[in-house]
Amino acid sequence: MADEKILDIDPLTGLIRFHRYDEETGKEIFRTYQDTAPIMERCKALKNEEFNKKSEIWPIADVPLNILYMWRDQLGVDFENPDHEKGLRALLAHGDYANFRTSEFNL
């Protein structure tokens, strides 16, 4: 994109934040990019592992920040808002995001 600048690269998550200014509209535009392939591969591997059902924590998904931001900004489902748990569960159950599930039990 023209005149797009990298604002930040998170070395832990690989999330890259970009910024550009649209002179026609006078708006600042921010976007993010994250390679989700390694996360999907890790989730696939976790699905094949046994987990301790007696554990207090049952991992259900590993959703990339890029996807979480998209859910928040485009769908209105805020991963940081406890009141949005039902929406998060619905999104995690949706086939489009099945590759980020780390287990197959019902949500």
C-alpha atoms as a PDB file:
ATOM      1  CA  MET A   1       0.000   0.000   0.000  1.00  0.00           C
ATOM      2  CA  ALA A   2       1.206   3.491  -0.795  1.00  0.00           C
ATOM      3  CA  ASP A   3       3.018   5.276   2.001  1.00  0.00           C
ATOM      4  CA  GLU A   4       2.213   2.539   4.477  1.00  0.00           C
ATOM      5  CA  LYS A   5       4.577   2.443   7.443  1.00  0.00           C
ATOM      6  CA  ILE A   6       5.317  -0.361   9.879  1.00  0.00           C
ATOM      7  CA  LEU A   7       4.529   0.834  13.390  1.00  0.00           C
ATOM      8  CA  ASP A   8       5.496  -2.238  15.357  1.00  0.00           C
ATOM      9  CA  ILE A   9       6.584  -5.853  15.027  1.00  0.00           C
ATOM     10  CA  ASP A  10       5.908  -8.053  18.040  1.00  0.00           C
ATOM     11  CA  PRO A  11       8.745 -10.605  18.219  1.00  0.00           C
ATOM     12  CA  LEU A  12       6.678 -13.013  20.340  1.00  0.00           C
ATOM     13  CA  THR A  13       3.520 -13.163  18.239  1.00  0.00           C
ATOM     14  CA  GLY A  14       4.802 -12.005  14.860  1.00  0.00           C
ATOM     15  CA  LEU A  15       1.990  -9.432  14.744  1.00  0.00           C
ATOM     16  CA  ILE A  16       2.891  -6.499  12.501  1.00  0.00           C
ATOM     17  CA  ARG A  17       1.022  -3.195  12.840  1.00  0.00           C
ATOM     18  CA  PHE A  18       0.826  -0.847   9.861  1.00  0.00           C
ATOM     19  CA  HIS A  19      -0.323   2.752   9.476  1.00  0.00           C
ATOM     20  CA  ARG A  20      -1.103   4.980   6.535  1.00  0.00           C
ATOM     21  CA  TYR A  21      -2.828   8.288   6.024  1.00  0.00           C
ATOM     22  CA  ASP A  22      -5.503   8.580   3.347  1.00  0.00           C
ATOM     23  CA  GLU A  23      -5.213  12.097   1.959  1.00  0.00           C
ATOM     24  CA  GLU A  24      -8.506  11.837   0.060  1.00  0.00           C
ATOM     25  CA  THR A  25     -10.575  11.125   3.165  1.00  0.00           C
ATOM     26  CA  GLY A  26      -8.278  12.647   5.793  1.00  0.00           C
ATOM     27  CA  LYS A  27      -8.407   9.423   7.782  1.00  0.00           C
ATOM     28  CA  GLU A  28      -5.669   7.442   9.414  1.00  0.00           C
ATOM     29  CA  ILE A  29      -5.834   3.755   8.563  1.00  0.00           C
ATOM     30  CA  PHE A  30      -4.365   1.047  10.741  1.00  0.00           C
ATOM     31  CA  ARG A  31      -4.110  -2.631   9.893  1.00  0.00           C
ATOM     32  CA  THR A  32      -2.392  -5.697  11.268  1.00  0.00           C
ATOM     33  CA  TYR A  33      -0.845  -8.785   9.734  1.00  0.00           C
ATOM     34  CA  GLN A  34       0.116 -12.064  11.374  1.00  0.00           C
ATOM     35  CA  ASP A  35       1.156 -15.344   9.778  1.00  0.00           C
ATOM     36  CA  THR A  36      -1.429 -17.754  11.162  1.00  0.00           C
ATOM     37  CA  ALA A  37       0.034 -20.943   9.638  1.00  0.00           C
ATOM     38  CA  PRO A  38       2.374 -21.763  12.572  1.00  0.00           C
ATOM     39  CA  ILE A  39      -0.484 -21.260  15.035  1.00  0.00           C
ATOM     40  CA  MET A  40      -2.786 -23.537  13.041  1.00  0.00           C
ATOM     41  CA  GLU A  41      -0.082 -26.219  12.923  1.00  0.00           C
ATOM     42  CA  ARG A  42       0.394 -25.983  16.700  1.00  0.00           C
ATOM     43  CA  CYS A  43      -3.373 -26.254  17.235  1.00  0.00           C
ATOM     44  CA  LYS A  44      -3.533 -29.302  14.960  1.00  0.00           C
ATOM     45  CA  ALA A  45      -0.748 -30.957  16.972  1.00  0.00           C
ATOM     46  CA  LEU A  46      -2.493 -30.164  20.259  1.00  0.00           C
ATOM     47  CA  LYS A  47      -5.739 -31.735  18.989  1.00  0.00           C
ATOM     48  CA  ASN A  48      -3.851 -35.002  18.588  1.00  0.00           C
ATOM     49  CA  GLU A  49      -2.451 -34.953  22.125  1.00  0.00           C
ATOM     50  CA  GLU A  50      -4.170 -36.254  25.201  1.00  0.00           C
ATOM     51  CA  PHE A  51      -4.865 -33.677  27.874  1.00  0.00           C
ATOM     52  CA  ASN A  52      -5.447 -34.167  31.575  1.00  0.00           C
ATOM     53  CA  LYS A  53      -9.206 -34.033  32.117  1.00  0.00           C
ATOM     54  CA  LYS A  54      -8.586 -33.602  35.853  1.00  0.00           C
ATOM     55  CA  SER A  55      -6.717 -30.375  35.174  1.00  0.00           C
ATOM     56  CA  GLU A  56      -8.271 -27.062  36.193  1.00  0.00           C
ATOM     57  CA  ILE A  57      -7.488 -25.639  32.746  1.00  0.00           C
ATOM     58  CA  TRP A  58      -8.763 -27.177  29.534  1.00  0.00           C
ATOM     59  CA  PRO A  59      -7.250 -25.456  26.506  1.00  0.00           C
ATOM     60  CA  ILE A  60      -9.842 -24.999  23.774  1.00  0.00           C
ATOM     61  CA  ALA A  61      -8.212 -22.689  21.216  1.00  0.00           C
ATOM     62  CA  ASP A  62      -5.216 -20.580  20.311  1.00  0.00           C
ATOM     63  CA  VAL A  63      -6.595 -17.696  18.271  1.00  0.00           C
ATOM     64  CA  PRO A  64      -4.074 -15.309  16.689  1.00  0.00           C
ATOM     65  CA  LEU A  65      -4.267 -11.691  17.797  1.00  0.00           C
ATOM     66  CA  ASN A  66      -4.924 -10.680  14.213  1.00  0.00           C
ATOM     67  CA  ILE A  67      -8.131 -12.740  14.205  1.00  0.00           C
ATOM     68  CA  LEU A  68      -9.156 -11.506  17.671  1.00  0.00           C
ATOM     69  CA  TYR A  69      -8.779  -7.899  16.504  1.00  0.00           C
ATOM     70  CA  MET A  70     -10.852  -8.661  13.396  1.00  0.00           C
ATOM     71  CA  TRP A  71     -13.602 -10.201  15.547  1.00  0.00           C
ATOM     72  CA  ARG A  72     -13.598  -7.090  17.735  1.00  0.00           C
ATOM     73  CA  ASP A  73     -13.402  -4.476  14.975  1.00  0.00           C
ATOM     74  CA  GLN A  74     -15.592  -6.080  12.312  1.00  0.00           C
ATOM     75  CA  LEU A  75     -17.977  -8.318  14.260  1.00  0.00           C
ATOM     76  CA  GLY A  76     -18.221  -6.439  17.570  1.00  0.00           C
ATOM     77  CA  VAL A  77     -17.120  -9.451  19.631  1.00  0.00           C
ATOM     78  CA  ASP A  78     -14.522  -8.165  22.100  1.00  0.00           C
ATOM     79  CA  PHE A  79     -12.233 -10.881  23.422  1.00  0.00           C
ATOM     80  CA  GLU A  80     -11.401  -8.681  26.435  1.00  0.00           C
ATOM     81  CA  ASN A  81     -15.044  -8.238  27.465  1.00  0.00           C
ATOM     82  CA  PRO A  82     -16.383 -11.030  29.715  1.00  0.00           C
ATOM     83  CA  ASP A  83     -19.921 -10.169  28.557  1.00  0.00           C
ATOM     84  CA  HIS A  84     -18.962 -11.327  25.046  1.00  0.00           C
ATOM     85  CA  GLU A  85     -18.242 -14.930  26.050  1.00  0.00           C
ATOM     86  CA  LYS A  86     -21.292 -16.237  24.177  1.00  0.00           C
ATOM     87  CA  GLY A  87     -20.129 -14.547  20.965  1.00  0.00           C
ATOM     88  CA  LEU A  88     -16.611 -15.919  21.392  1.00  0.00           C
ATOM     89  CA  ARG A  89     -17.962 -19.422  21.907  1.00  0.00           C
ATOM     90  CA  ALA A  90     -20.077 -19.096  18.757  1.00  0.00           C
ATOM     91  CA  LEU A  91     -17.109 -17.924  16.705  1.00  0.00           C
ATOM     92  CA  LEU A  92     -14.897 -20.731  18.010  1.00  0.00           C
ATOM     93  CA  ALA A  93     -17.611 -23.250  17.111  1.00  0.00           C
ATOM     94  CA  HIS A  94     -17.867 -21.839  13.567  1.00  0.00           C
ATOM     95  CA  GLY A  95     -16.175 -23.881  10.845  1.00  0.00           C
ATOM     96  CA  ASP A  96     -14.175 -20.906   9.560  1.00  0.00           C
ATOM     97  CA  TYR A  97     -12.166 -20.881  12.787  1.00  0.00           C
ATOM     98  CA  ALA A  98     -11.978 -24.626  13.460  1.00  0.00           C
ATOM     99  CA  ASN A  99      -8.253 -24.661  12.696  1.00  0.00           C
ATOM    100  CA  PHE A 100      -7.621 -22.615  15.836  1.00  0.00           C
ATOM    101  CA  ARG A 101      -9.341 -25.139  18.107  1.00  0.00           C
ATOM    102  CA  THR A 102      -6.984 -27.227  20.225  1.00  0.00           C
ATOM    103  CA  SER A 103      -9.607 -29.756  21.292  1.00  0.00           C
ATOM    104  CA  GLU A 104     -12.886 -31.161  20.013  1.00  0.00           C
ATOM    105  CA  PHE A 105     -15.149 -30.998  23.075  1.00  0.00           C
ATOM    106  CA  ASN A 106     -18.306 -28.884  22.890  1.00  0.00           C
ATOM    107  CA  LEU A 107     -18.124 -25.297  24.008  1.00  0.00           C
END
